[in-house]
């Protein structure tokens, strides 16, 4: 297990993590690793796109309407012909499969993690 170096509270406060709801899921055959293209509604922040390597544990139908947590203040990243605008957060399993982080009860889209 790789333990990361300690950061300050100010470093943590720079990361803008928000709740969102997945409103669109598409296959992403151009991606190097199996992935989906997602559109996520972040309420007042609008709709953002993300590429996510979550095909091991999730079918497209399971993801529609699912609330997730994502970092929304990273720079945009070009992945093949797709521009990813946020990073969905998840937990890596033993085989690098990703389990998404999500609220245990419904919350408004765009609410901050703190």
PDB file of N, CA and C in Angstrom:
ATOM      1  N   UNK A   1       0.844  -1.173   0.000  1.00  0.00           N
ATOM      2  CA  UNK A   1       0.000   0.000   0.000  1.00  0.00           C
ATOM      3  C   UNK A   1       0.893   1.241   0.000  1.00  0.00           C
ATOM      4  N   UNK A   2       0.579   2.167  -0.892  1.00  0.00           N
ATOM      5  CA  UNK A   2       1.357   3.382  -1.029  1.00  0.00           C
ATOM      6  C   UNK A   2       0.734   4.502  -0.198  1.00  0.00           C
ATOM      7  N   UNK A   3       1.397   4.893   0.877  1.00  0.00           N
ATOM      8  CA  UNK A   3       0.916   5.978   1.724  1.00  0.00           C
ATOM      9  C   UNK A   3       1.460   7.293   1.178  1.00  0.00           C
ATOM     10  N   UNK A   4       0.572   8.235   0.949  1.00  0.00           N
ATOM     11  CA  UNK A   4       0.972   9.530   0.386  1.00  0.00           C
ATOM     12  C   UNK A   4       1.476  10.447   1.501  1.00  0.00           C
ATOM     13  N   UNK A   5       2.284  11.447   1.133  1.00  0.00           N
ATOM     14  CA  UNK A   5       2.804  12.357   2.155  1.00  0.00           C
ATOM     15  C   UNK A   5       1.694  13.203   2.768  1.00  0.00           C
ATOM     16  N   UNK A   6       1.907  13.636   3.983  1.00  0.00           N
ATOM     17  CA  UNK A   6       0.956  14.488   4.692  1.00  0.00           C
ATOM     18  C   UNK A   6       0.782  15.809   3.949  1.00  0.00           C
ATOM     19  N   UNK A   7      -0.468  16.304   3.900  1.00  0.00           N
ATOM     20  CA  UNK A   7      -0.739  17.602   3.308  1.00  0.00           C
ATOM     21  C   UNK A   7      -1.329  18.515   4.372  1.00  0.00           C
ATOM     22  N   UNK A   8      -1.345  19.798   4.083  1.00  0.00           N
ATOM     23  CA  UNK A   8      -1.917  20.748   5.031  1.00  0.00           C
ATOM     24  C   UNK A   8      -3.424  20.860   4.804  1.00  0.00           C
ATOM     25  N   UNK A   9      -4.115  21.428   5.778  1.00  0.00           N
ATOM     26  CA  UNK A   9      -5.548  21.678   5.643  1.00  0.00           C
ATOM     27  C   UNK A   9      -5.797  22.614   4.462  1.00  0.00           C
ATOM     28  N   UNK A  10      -4.914  23.571   4.261  1.00  0.00           N
ATOM     29  CA  UNK A  10      -5.054  24.493   3.129  1.00  0.00           C
ATOM     30  C   UNK A  10      -4.975  23.753   1.799  1.00  0.00           C
ATOM     31  N   UNK A  11      -4.102  22.730   1.702  1.00  0.00           N
ATOM     32  CA  UNK A  11      -4.033  21.918   0.490  1.00  0.00           C
ATOM     33  C   UNK A  11      -5.369  21.219   0.246  1.00  0.00           C
ATOM     34  N   UNK A  12      -5.936  20.634   1.281  1.00  0.00           N
ATOM     35  CA  UNK A  12      -7.214  19.930   1.164  1.00  0.00           C
ATOM     36  C   UNK A  12      -8.326  20.884   0.729  1.00  0.00           C
ATOM     37  N   UNK A  13      -8.322  22.102   1.278  1.00  0.00           N
ATOM     38  CA  UNK A  13      -9.373  23.073   0.946  1.00  0.00           C
ATOM     39  C   UNK A  13      -9.341  23.497  -0.518  1.00  0.00           C
ATOM     40  N   UNK A  14      -8.237  23.293  -1.207  1.00  0.00           N
ATOM     41  CA  UNK A  14      -8.135  23.652  -2.624  1.00  0.00           C
ATOM     42  C   UNK A  14      -8.887  22.671  -3.524  1.00  0.00           C
ATOM     43  N   UNK A  15      -9.125  21.457  -3.037  1.00  0.00           N
ATOM     44  CA  UNK A  15      -9.800  20.437  -3.841  1.00  0.00           C
ATOM     45  C   UNK A  15     -11.309  20.638  -3.721  1.00  0.00           C
ATOM     46  N   UNK A  16     -11.959  20.895  -4.863  1.00  0.00           N
ATOM     47  CA  UNK A  16     -13.402  21.137  -4.880  1.00  0.00           C
ATOM     48  C   UNK A  16     -14.115  19.847  -5.267  1.00  0.00           C
ATOM     49  N   UNK A  17     -14.627  19.137  -4.254  1.00  0.00           N
ATOM     50  CA  UNK A  17     -15.342  17.884  -4.461  1.00  0.00           C
ATOM     51  C   UNK A  17     -16.833  18.156  -4.317  1.00  0.00           C
ATOM     52  N   UNK A  18     -17.603  17.699  -5.282  1.00  0.00           N
ATOM     53  CA  UNK A  18     -19.038  17.987  -5.312  1.00  0.00           C
ATOM     54  C   UNK A  18     -19.858  16.742  -5.609  1.00  0.00           C
ATOM     55  N   UNK A  19     -21.118  16.793  -5.196  1.00  0.00           N
ATOM     56  CA  UNK A  19     -22.075  15.740  -5.533  1.00  0.00           C
ATOM     57  C   UNK A  19     -22.647  16.013  -6.919  1.00  0.00           C
ATOM     58  N   UNK A  20     -22.915  14.947  -7.643  1.00  0.00           N
ATOM     59  CA  UNK A  20     -23.522  15.063  -8.965  1.00  0.00           C
ATOM     60  C   UNK A  20     -24.298  13.809  -9.293  1.00  0.00           C
ATOM     61  N   UNK A  21     -25.154  13.923 -10.305  1.00  0.00           N
ATOM     62  CA  UNK A  21     -25.949  12.783 -10.755  1.00  0.00           C
ATOM     63  C   UNK A  21     -25.611  12.484 -12.207  1.00  0.00           C
ATOM     64  N   UNK A  22     -25.319  11.224 -12.482  1.00  0.00           N
ATOM     65  CA  UNK A  22     -24.998  10.797 -13.838  1.00  0.00           C
ATOM     66  C   UNK A  22     -26.281  10.824 -14.674  1.00  0.00           C
ATOM     67  N   UNK A  23     -26.237  11.577 -15.780  1.00  0.00           N
ATOM     68  CA  UNK A  23     -27.434  11.722 -16.614  1.00  0.00           C
ATOM     69  C   UNK A  23     -27.267  11.084 -17.998  1.00  0.00           C
ATOM     70  N   UNK A  24     -26.030  10.704 -18.346  1.00  0.00           N
ATOM     71  CA  UNK A  24     -25.784  10.081 -19.647  1.00  0.00           C
ATOM     72  C   UNK A  24     -24.557   9.179 -19.541  1.00  0.00           C
ATOM     73  N   UNK A  25     -24.647   7.995 -20.158  1.00  0.00           N
ATOM     74  CA  UNK A  25     -23.536   7.027 -20.165  1.00  0.00           C
ATOM     75  C   UNK A  25     -23.386   6.475 -21.580  1.00  0.00           C
ATOM     76  N   UNK A  26     -22.158   6.540 -22.096  1.00  0.00           N
ATOM     77  CA  UNK A  26     -21.874   6.005 -23.431  1.00  0.00           C
ATOM     78  C   UNK A  26     -20.614   5.157 -23.387  1.00  0.00           C
ATOM     79  N   UNK A  27     -20.544   4.175 -24.283  1.00  0.00           N
ATOM     80  CA  UNK A  27     -19.307   3.421 -24.436  1.00  0.00           C
ATOM     81  C   UNK A  27     -18.218   4.358 -24.946  1.00  0.00           C
ATOM     82  N   UNK A  28     -16.965   4.015 -24.660  1.00  0.00           N
ATOM     83  CA  UNK A  28     -15.833   4.840 -25.085  1.00  0.00           C
ATOM     84  C   UNK A  28     -14.788   3.930 -25.737  1.00  0.00           C
ATOM     85  N   UNK A  29     -15.061   3.450 -26.957  1.00  0.00           N
ATOM     86  CA  UNK A  29     -14.165   2.480 -27.591  1.00  0.00           C
ATOM     87  C   UNK A  29     -12.780   3.039 -27.918  1.00  0.00           C
ATOM     88  N   UNK A  30     -12.637   4.366 -28.030  1.00  0.00           N
ATOM     89  CA  UNK A  30     -11.334   4.961 -28.350  1.00  0.00           C
ATOM     90  C   UNK A  30     -10.395   5.022 -27.145  1.00  0.00           C
ATOM     91  N   UNK A  31     -10.897   4.818 -25.960  1.00  0.00           N
ATOM     92  CA  UNK A  31     -10.067   4.880 -24.750  1.00  0.00           C
ATOM     93  C   UNK A  31      -9.075   3.721 -24.725  1.00  0.00           C
ATOM     94  N   UNK A  32      -7.911   3.977 -24.155  1.00  0.00           N
ATOM     95  CA  UNK A  32      -6.870   2.942 -24.048  1.00  0.00           C
ATOM     96  C   UNK A  32      -7.315   1.785 -23.168  1.00  0.00           C
ATOM     97  N   UNK A  33      -7.982   2.107 -22.053  1.00  0.00           N
ATOM     98  CA  UNK A  33      -8.518   1.102 -21.135  1.00  0.00           C
ATOM     99  C   UNK A  33     -10.038   1.168 -21.189  1.00  0.00           C
ATOM    100  N   UNK A  34     -10.727   0.046 -20.957  1.00  0.00           N
ATOM    101  CA  UNK A  34     -12.189   0.060 -21.013  1.00  0.00           C
ATOM    102  C   UNK A  34     -12.770   1.169 -20.128  1.00  0.00           C
ATOM    103  N   UNK A  35     -13.599   2.014 -20.728  1.00  0.00           N
ATOM    104  CA  UNK A  35     -14.129   3.198 -20.048  1.00  0.00           C
ATOM    105  C   UNK A  35     -15.514   3.545 -20.577  1.00  0.00           C
ATOM    106  N   UNK A  36     -16.185   4.399 -19.804  1.00  0.00           N
ATOM    107  CA  UNK A  36     -17.431   5.018 -20.235  1.00  0.00           C
ATOM    108  C   UNK A  36     -17.209   6.517 -20.359  1.00  0.00           C
ATOM    109  N   UNK A  37     -17.989   7.148 -21.221  1.00  0.00           N
ATOM    110  CA  UNK A  37     -18.103   8.599 -21.268  1.00  0.00           C
ATOM    111  C   UNK A  37     -19.368   8.954 -20.506  1.00  0.00           C
ATOM    112  N   UNK A  38     -19.229   9.848 -19.527  1.00  0.00           N
ATOM    113  CA  UNK A  38     -20.360  10.213 -18.681  1.00  0.00           C
ATOM    114  C   UNK A  38     -20.653  11.701 -18.778  1.00  0.00           C
ATOM    115  N   UNK A  39     -21.920  12.044 -18.615  1.00  0.00           N
ATOM    116  CA  UNK A  39     -22.329  13.422 -18.385  1.00  0.00           C
ATOM    117  C   UNK A  39     -22.943  13.455 -16.998  1.00  0.00           C
ATOM    118  N   UNK A  40     -22.524  14.440 -16.213  1.00  0.00           N
ATOM    119  CA  UNK A  40     -22.923  14.507 -14.808  1.00  0.00           C
ATOM    120  C   UNK A  40     -23.514  15.878 -14.525  1.00  0.00           C
ATOM    121  N   UNK A  41     -24.675  15.898 -13.887  1.00  0.00           N
ATOM    122  CA  UNK A  41     -25.346  17.138 -13.507  1.00  0.00           C
ATOM    123  C   UNK A  41     -24.836  17.556 -12.129  1.00  0.00           C
ATOM    124  N   UNK A  42     -24.183  18.714 -12.077  1.00  0.00           N
ATOM    125  CA  UNK A  42     -23.672  19.255 -10.819  1.00  0.00           C
ATOM    126  C   UNK A  42     -24.485  20.464 -10.349  1.00  0.00           C
ATOM    127  N   UNK A  43     -25.766  20.503 -10.670  1.00  0.00           N
ATOM    128  CA  UNK A  43     -26.627  21.586 -10.195  1.00  0.00           C
ATOM    129  C   UNK A  43     -26.167  22.943 -10.696  1.00  0.00           C
ATOM    130  N   UNK A  44     -25.865  23.856  -9.768  1.00  0.00           N
ATOM    131  CA  UNK A  44     -25.489  25.226 -10.130  1.00  0.00           C
ATOM    132  C   UNK A  44     -24.222  25.285 -10.979  1.00  0.00           C
ATOM    133  N   UNK A  45     -23.391  24.246 -10.933  1.00  0.00           N
ATOM    134  CA  UNK A  45     -22.169  24.214 -11.739  1.00  0.00           C
ATOM    135  C   UNK A  45     -22.437  23.745 -13.169  1.00  0.00           C
ATOM    136  N   UNK A  46     -23.619  23.249 -13.428  1.00  0.00           N
ATOM    137  CA  UNK A  46     -23.968  22.777 -14.760  1.00  0.00           C
ATOM    138  C   UNK A  46     -23.610  21.321 -14.982  1.00  0.00           C
ATOM    139  N   UNK A  47     -23.597  20.951 -16.241  1.00  0.00           N
ATOM    140  CA  UNK A  47     -23.310  19.572 -16.641  1.00  0.00           C
ATOM    141  C   UNK A  47     -21.861  19.482 -17.086  1.00  0.00           C
ATOM    142  N   UNK A  48     -21.145  18.480 -16.555  1.00  0.00           N
ATOM    143  CA  UNK A  48     -19.743  18.257 -16.910  1.00  0.00           C
ATOM    144  C   UNK A  48     -19.583  16.838 -17.430  1.00  0.00           C
ATOM    145  N   UNK A  49     -18.571  16.668 -18.279  1.00  0.00           N
ATOM    146  CA  UNK A  49     -18.268  15.362 -18.860  1.00  0.00           C
ATOM    147  C   UNK A  49     -17.086  14.728 -18.140  1.00  0.00           C
ATOM    148  N   UNK A  50     -17.081  13.394 -18.114  1.00  0.00           N
ATOM    149  CA  UNK A  50     -15.968  12.669 -17.509  1.00  0.00           C
ATOM    150  C   UNK A  50     -15.806  11.322 -18.198  1.00  0.00           C
ATOM    151  N   UNK A  51     -14.561  10.887 -18.294  1.00  0.00           N
ATOM    152  CA  UNK A  51     -14.250   9.538 -18.738  1.00  0.00           C
ATOM    153  C   UNK A  51     -13.945   8.732 -17.485  1.00  0.00           C
ATOM    154  N   UNK A  52     -14.535   7.543 -17.380  1.00  0.00           N
ATOM    155  CA  UNK A  52     -14.352   6.761 -16.157  1.00  0.00           C
ATOM    156  C   UNK A  52     -14.097   5.289 -16.475  1.00  0.00           C
ATOM    157  N   UNK A  53     -13.033   4.748 -15.884  1.00  0.00           N
ATOM    158  CA  UNK A  53     -12.687   3.328 -16.045  1.00  0.00           C
ATOM    159  C   UNK A  53     -13.413   2.513 -14.982  1.00  0.00           C
ATOM    160  N   UNK A  54     -14.716   2.378 -15.160  1.00  0.00           N
ATOM    161  CA  UNK A  54     -15.556   1.717 -14.160  1.00  0.00           C
ATOM    162  C   UNK A  54     -16.367   0.573 -14.771  1.00  0.00           C
ATOM    163  N   UNK A  55     -15.904   0.061 -15.903  1.00  0.00           N
ATOM    164  CA  UNK A  55     -16.664  -0.969 -16.618  1.00  0.00           C
ATOM    165  C   UNK A  55     -16.615  -2.333 -15.941  1.00  0.00           C
ATOM    166  N   UNK A  56     -15.656  -2.565 -15.061  1.00  0.00           N
ATOM    167  CA  UNK A  56     -15.552  -3.866 -14.379  1.00  0.00           C
ATOM    168  C   UNK A  56     -16.744  -4.138 -13.467  1.00  0.00           C
ATOM    169  N   UNK A  57     -17.193  -3.115 -12.756  1.00  0.00           N
ATOM    170  CA  UNK A  57     -18.235  -3.316 -11.745  1.00  0.00           C
ATOM    171  C   UNK A  57     -19.593  -2.727 -12.112  1.00  0.00           C
ATOM    172  N   UNK A  58     -19.651  -1.877 -13.147  1.00  0.00           N
ATOM    173  CA  UNK A  58     -20.887  -1.160 -13.451  1.00  0.00           C
ATOM    174  C   UNK A  58     -21.311  -1.330 -14.901  1.00  0.00           C
ATOM    175  N   UNK A  59     -22.580  -1.629 -15.093  1.00  0.00           N
ATOM    176  CA  UNK A  59     -23.202  -1.607 -16.412  1.00  0.00           C
ATOM    177  C   UNK A  59     -23.779  -0.210 -16.629  1.00  0.00           C
ATOM    178  N   UNK A  60     -23.927   0.190 -17.876  1.00  0.00           N
ATOM    179  CA  UNK A  60     -24.435   1.528 -18.187  1.00  0.00           C
ATOM    180  C   UNK A  60     -25.775   1.793 -17.500  1.00  0.00           C
ATOM    181  N   UNK A  61     -26.655   0.819 -17.509  1.00  0.00           N
ATOM    182  CA  UNK A  61     -27.988   0.992 -16.927  1.00  0.00           C
ATOM    183  C   UNK A  61     -27.925   1.286 -15.430  1.00  0.00           C
ATOM    184  N   UNK A  62     -26.935   0.706 -14.731  1.00  0.00           N
ATOM    185  CA  UNK A  62     -26.782   0.922 -13.286  1.00  0.00           C
ATOM    186  C   UNK A  62     -26.344   2.342 -12.964  1.00  0.00           C
ATOM    187  N   UNK A  63     -25.672   2.976 -13.909  1.00  0.00           N
ATOM    188  CA  UNK A  63     -25.077   4.287 -13.653  1.00  0.00           C
ATOM    189  C   UNK A  63     -26.047   5.441 -13.854  1.00  0.00           C
ATOM    190  N   UNK A  64     -27.014   5.278 -14.740  1.00  0.00           N
ATOM    191  CA  UNK A  64     -27.967   6.360 -14.994  1.00  0.00           C
ATOM    192  C   UNK A  64     -28.732   6.704 -13.721  1.00  0.00           C
ATOM    193  N   UNK A  65     -28.693   7.976 -13.335  1.00  0.00           N
ATOM    194  CA  UNK A  65     -29.378   8.432 -12.129  1.00  0.00           C
ATOM    195  C   UNK A  65     -28.591   8.242 -10.854  1.00  0.00           C
ATOM    196  N   UNK A  66     -27.405   7.643 -10.933  1.00  0.00           N
ATOM    197  CA  UNK A  66     -26.584   7.402  -9.738  1.00  0.00           C
ATOM    198  C   UNK A  66     -25.896   8.687  -9.297  1.00  0.00           C
ATOM    199  N   UNK A  67     -25.959   8.964  -8.010  1.00  0.00           N
ATOM    200  CA  UNK A  67     -25.216  10.100  -7.465  1.00  0.00           C
ATOM    201  C   UNK A  67     -23.788   9.676  -7.165  1.00  0.00           C
ATOM    202  N   UNK A  68     -22.864  10.582  -7.472  1.00  0.00           N
ATOM    203  CA  UNK A  68     -21.440  10.309  -7.290  1.00  0.00           C
ATOM    204  C   UNK A  68     -20.785  11.524  -6.635  1.00  0.00           C
ATOM    205  N   UNK A  69     -19.506  11.386  -6.331  1.00  0.00           N
ATOM    206  CA  UNK A  69     -18.682  12.487  -5.843  1.00  0.00           C
ATOM    207  C   UNK A  69     -17.546  12.662  -6.841  1.00  0.00           C
ATOM    208  N   UNK A  70     -17.257  13.914  -7.206  1.00  0.00           N
ATOM    209  CA  UNK A  70     -16.203  14.173  -8.189  1.00  0.00           C
ATOM    210  C   UNK A  70     -15.441  15.438  -7.830  1.00  0.00           C
ATOM    211  N   UNK A  71     -14.187  15.487  -8.275  1.00  0.00           N
ATOM    212  CA  UNK A  71     -13.384  16.706  -8.191  1.00  0.00           C
ATOM    213  C   UNK A  71     -13.725  17.524  -9.426  1.00  0.00           C
ATOM    214  N   UNK A  72     -14.150  18.777  -9.220  1.00  0.00           N
ATOM    215  CA  UNK A  72     -14.609  19.596 -10.342  1.00  0.00           C
ATOM    216  C   UNK A  72     -13.657  20.740 -10.688  1.00  0.00           C
ATOM    217  N   UNK A  73     -12.533  20.852  -9.981  1.00  0.00           N
ATOM    218  CA  UNK A  73     -11.624  21.974 -10.271  1.00  0.00           C
ATOM    219  C   UNK A  73     -10.248  21.548 -10.772  1.00  0.00           C
ATOM    220  N   UNK A  74     -10.147  20.348 -11.340  1.00  0.00           N
ATOM    221  CA  UNK A  74      -8.931  19.972 -12.056  1.00  0.00           C
ATOM    222  C   UNK A  74      -8.978  20.590 -13.450  1.00  0.00           C
ATOM    223  N   UNK A  75      -7.823  20.780 -14.087  1.00  0.00           N
ATOM    224  CA  UNK A  75      -7.848  21.225 -15.486  1.00  0.00           C
ATOM    225  C   UNK A  75      -8.509  20.153 -16.357  1.00  0.00           C
ATOM    226  N   UNK A  76      -9.138  20.580 -17.445  1.00  0.00           N
ATOM    227  CA  UNK A  76      -9.736  19.635 -18.392  1.00  0.00           C
ATOM    228  C   UNK A  76      -8.635  18.754 -18.982  1.00  0.00           C
ATOM    229  N   UNK A  77      -8.997  17.499 -19.292  1.00  0.00           N
ATOM    230  CA  UNK A  77      -8.010  16.553 -19.810  1.00  0.00           C
ATOM    231  C   UNK A  77      -8.529  15.913 -21.090  1.00  0.00           C
ATOM    232  N   UNK A  78      -7.729  15.998 -22.139  1.00  0.00           N
ATOM    233  CA  UNK A  78      -8.099  15.384 -23.415  1.00  0.00           C
ATOM    234  C   UNK A  78      -7.779  13.890 -23.362  1.00  0.00           C
ATOM    235  N   UNK A  79      -8.788  13.060 -23.598  1.00  0.00           N
ATOM    236  CA  UNK A  79      -8.621  11.612 -23.639  1.00  0.00           C
ATOM    237  C   UNK A  79      -9.180  11.155 -24.983  1.00  0.00           C
ATOM    238  N   UNK A  80      -8.280  10.783 -25.892  1.00  0.00           N
ATOM    239  CA  UNK A  80      -8.652  10.507 -27.290  1.00  0.00           C
ATOM    240  C   UNK A  80      -9.356  11.759 -27.821  1.00  0.00           C
ATOM    241  N   UNK A  81     -10.568  11.614 -28.352  1.00  0.00           N
ATOM    242  CA  UNK A  81     -11.290  12.780 -28.886  1.00  0.00           C
ATOM    243  C   UNK A  81     -12.292  13.341 -27.879  1.00  0.00           C
ATOM    244  N   UNK A  82     -12.137  12.986 -26.614  1.00  0.00           N
ATOM    245  CA  UNK A  82     -13.082  13.353 -25.566  1.00  0.00           C
ATOM    246  C   UNK A  82     -12.398  14.272 -24.560  1.00  0.00           C
ATOM    247  N   UNK A  83     -13.079  15.352 -24.162  1.00  0.00           N
ATOM    248  CA  UNK A  83     -12.537  16.281 -23.172  1.00  0.00           C
ATOM    249  C   UNK A  83     -13.187  16.017 -21.819  1.00  0.00           C
ATOM    250  N   UNK A  84     -12.422  15.459 -20.885  1.00  0.00           N
ATOM    251  CA  UNK A  84     -12.914  15.150 -19.547  1.00  0.00           C
ATOM    252  C   UNK A  84     -12.791  16.399 -18.681  1.00  0.00           C
ATOM    253  N   UNK A  85     -13.906  16.771 -18.016  1.00  0.00           N
ATOM    254  CA  UNK A  85     -13.969  18.029 -17.267  1.00  0.00           C
ATOM    255  C   UNK A  85     -13.965  17.858 -15.756  1.00  0.00           C
ATOM    256  N   UNK A  86     -14.033  16.634 -15.278  1.00  0.00           N
ATOM    257  CA  UNK A  86     -14.022  16.388 -13.833  1.00  0.00           C
ATOM    258  C   UNK A  86     -13.506  14.973 -13.590  1.00  0.00           C
ATOM    259  N   UNK A  87     -13.170  14.682 -12.340  1.00  0.00           N
ATOM    260  CA  UNK A  87     -12.654  13.364 -11.966  1.00  0.00           C
ATOM    261  C   UNK A  87     -13.603  12.727 -10.961  1.00  0.00           C
ATOM    262  N   UNK A  88     -14.259  11.660 -11.379  1.00  0.00           N
ATOM    263  CA  UNK A  88     -15.144  10.923 -10.477  1.00  0.00           C
ATOM    264  C   UNK A  88     -14.285  10.148  -9.496  1.00  0.00           C
ATOM    265  N   UNK A  89     -14.680  10.159  -8.221  1.00  0.00           N
ATOM    266  CA  UNK A  89     -13.888   9.511  -7.183  1.00  0.00           C
ATOM    267  C   UNK A  89     -14.377   8.089  -6.920  1.00  0.00           C
ATOM    268  N   UNK A  90     -13.408   7.208  -6.693  1.00  0.00           N
ATOM    269  CA  UNK A  90     -13.720   5.820  -6.401  1.00  0.00           C
ATOM    270  C   UNK A  90     -12.600   5.177  -5.612  1.00  0.00           C
ATOM    271  N   UNK A  91     -12.839   3.955  -5.216  1.00  0.00           N
ATOM    272  CA  UNK A  91     -11.884   3.187  -4.423  1.00  0.00           C
ATOM    273  C   UNK A  91     -11.391   2.018  -5.268  1.00  0.00           C
ATOM    274  N   UNK A  92     -10.057   1.878  -5.370  1.00  0.00           N
ATOM    275  CA  UNK A  92      -9.469   0.762  -6.109  1.00  0.00           C
ATOM    276  C   UNK A  92      -9.552  -0.515  -5.299  1.00  0.00           C
ATOM    277  N   UNK A  93      -9.998  -1.588  -5.952  1.00  0.00           N
ATOM    278  CA  UNK A  93     -10.022  -2.905  -5.336  1.00  0.00           C
ATOM    279  C   UNK A  93      -8.723  -3.648  -5.589  1.00  0.00           C
ATOM    280  N   UNK A  94      -8.667  -4.903  -5.166  1.00  0.00           N
ATOM    281  CA  UNK A  94      -7.469  -5.736  -5.314  1.00  0.00           C
ATOM    282  C   UNK A  94      -7.010  -5.861  -6.765  1.00  0.00           C
ATOM    283  N   UNK A  95      -7.960  -5.885  -7.691  1.00  0.00           N
ATOM    284  CA  UNK A  95      -7.631  -6.052  -9.110  1.00  0.00           C
ATOM    285  C   UNK A  95      -7.772  -4.749  -9.888  1.00  0.00           C
ATOM    286  N   UNK A  96      -7.644  -3.625  -9.187  1.00  0.00           N
ATOM    287  CA  UNK A  96      -7.733  -2.281  -9.777  1.00  0.00           C
ATOM    288  C   UNK A  96      -9.133  -1.925 -10.264  1.00  0.00           C
ATOM    289  N   UNK A  97     -10.152  -2.732  -9.920  1.00  0.00           N
ATOM    290  CA  UNK A  97     -11.519  -2.355 -10.245  1.00  0.00           C
ATOM    291  C   UNK A  97     -11.916  -1.174  -9.342  1.00  0.00           C
ATOM    292  N   UNK A  98     -12.775  -0.312  -9.850  1.00  0.00           N
ATOM    293  CA  UNK A  98     -13.115   0.913  -9.126  1.00  0.00           C
ATOM    294  C   UNK A  98     -14.555   0.847  -8.616  1.00  0.00           C
ATOM    295  N   UNK A  99     -14.715   1.064  -7.307  1.00  0.00           N
ATOM    296  CA  UNK A  99     -16.024   1.213  -6.690  1.00  0.00           C
ATOM    297  C   UNK A  99     -16.256   2.703  -6.479  1.00  0.00           C
ATOM    298  N   UNK A 100     -17.328   3.226  -7.043  1.00  0.00           N
ATOM    299  CA  UNK A 100     -17.595   4.656  -6.963  1.00  0.00           C
ATOM    300  C   UNK A 100     -17.951   5.105  -5.550  1.00  0.00           C
ATOM    301  N   UNK A 101     -17.507   6.309  -5.208  1.00  0.00           N
ATOM    302  CA  UNK A 101     -17.942   6.946  -3.968  1.00  0.00           C
ATOM    303  C   UNK A 101     -19.259   7.652  -4.239  1.00  0.00           C
ATOM    304  N   UNK A 102     -20.236   7.456  -3.369  1.00  0.00           N
ATOM    305  CA  UNK A 102     -21.526   8.115  -3.565  1.00  0.00           C
ATOM    306  C   UNK A 102     -22.187   8.354  -2.214  1.00  0.00           C
ATOM    307  N   UNK A 103     -23.041   9.377  -2.146  1.00  0.00           N
ATOM    308  CA  UNK A 103     -23.754   9.642  -0.890  1.00  0.00           C
ATOM    309  C   UNK A 103     -24.646   8.457  -0.521  1.00  0.00           C
ATOM    310  N   UNK A 104     -24.827   8.235   0.776  1.00  0.00           N
ATOM    311  CA  UNK A 104     -25.680   7.134   1.228  1.00  0.00           C
ATOM    312  C   UNK A 104     -27.154   7.529   1.225  1.00  0.00           C
ATOM    313  N   UNK A 105     -27.433   8.827   1.226  1.00  0.00           N
ATOM    314  CA  UNK A 105     -28.800   9.326   1.049  1.00  0.00           C
ATOM    315  C   UNK A 105     -28.752  10.410  -0.025  1.00  0.00           C
ATOM    316  N   UNK A 106     -29.843  10.638  -0.743  1.00  0.00           N
ATOM    317  CA  UNK A 106     -29.821  11.652  -1.813  1.00  0.00           C
ATOM    318  C   UNK A 106     -29.491  13.046  -1.280  1.00  0.00           C
ATOM    319  N   UNK A 107     -28.669  13.758  -2.041  1.00  0.00           N
ATOM    320  CA  UNK A 107     -28.311  15.155  -1.733  1.00  0.00           C
ATOM    321  C   UNK A 107     -28.488  15.964  -3.010  1.00  0.00           C
ATOM    322  N   UNK A 108     -28.503  17.284  -2.859  1.00  0.00           N
ATOM    323  CA  UNK A 108     -28.632  18.145  -4.040  1.00  0.00           C
ATOM    324  C   UNK A 108     -27.350  18.076  -4.860  1.00  0.00           C
ATOM    325  N   UNK A 109     -27.509  18.114  -6.161  1.00  0.00           N
ATOM    326  CA  UNK A 109     -26.368  18.158  -7.058  1.00  0.00           C
ATOM    327  C   UNK A 109     -25.600  19.469  -6.839  1.00  0.00           C
ATOM    328  N   UNK A 110     -24.279  19.345  -6.790  1.00  0.00           N
ATOM    329  CA  UNK A 110     -23.422  20.510  -6.602  1.00  0.00           C
ATOM    330  C   UNK A 110     -23.042  20.781  -5.164  1.00  0.00           C
ATOM    331  N   UNK A 111     -23.581  20.016  -4.218  1.00  0.00           N
ATOM    332  CA  UNK A 111     -23.188  20.216  -2.817  1.00  0.00           C
ATOM    333  C   UNK A 111     -21.719  19.835  -2.645  1.00  0.00           C
ATOM    334  N   UNK A 112     -21.024  20.582  -1.774  1.00  0.00           N
ATOM    335  CA  UNK A 112     -19.590  20.367  -1.554  1.00  0.00           C
ATOM    336  C   UNK A 112     -19.329  19.299  -0.499  1.00  0.00           C
ATOM    337  N   UNK A 113     -18.221  18.594  -0.693  1.00  0.00           N
ATOM    338  CA  UNK A 113     -17.711  17.669   0.312  1.00  0.00           C
ATOM    339  C   UNK A 113     -16.819  18.482   1.234  1.00  0.00           C
ATOM    340  N   UNK A 114     -16.930  18.253   2.520  1.00  0.00           N
ATOM    341  CA  UNK A 114     -16.120  19.027   3.453  1.00  0.00           C
ATOM    342  C   UNK A 114     -15.742  18.235   4.662  1.00  0.00           C
TER     343      UNK A 114
END
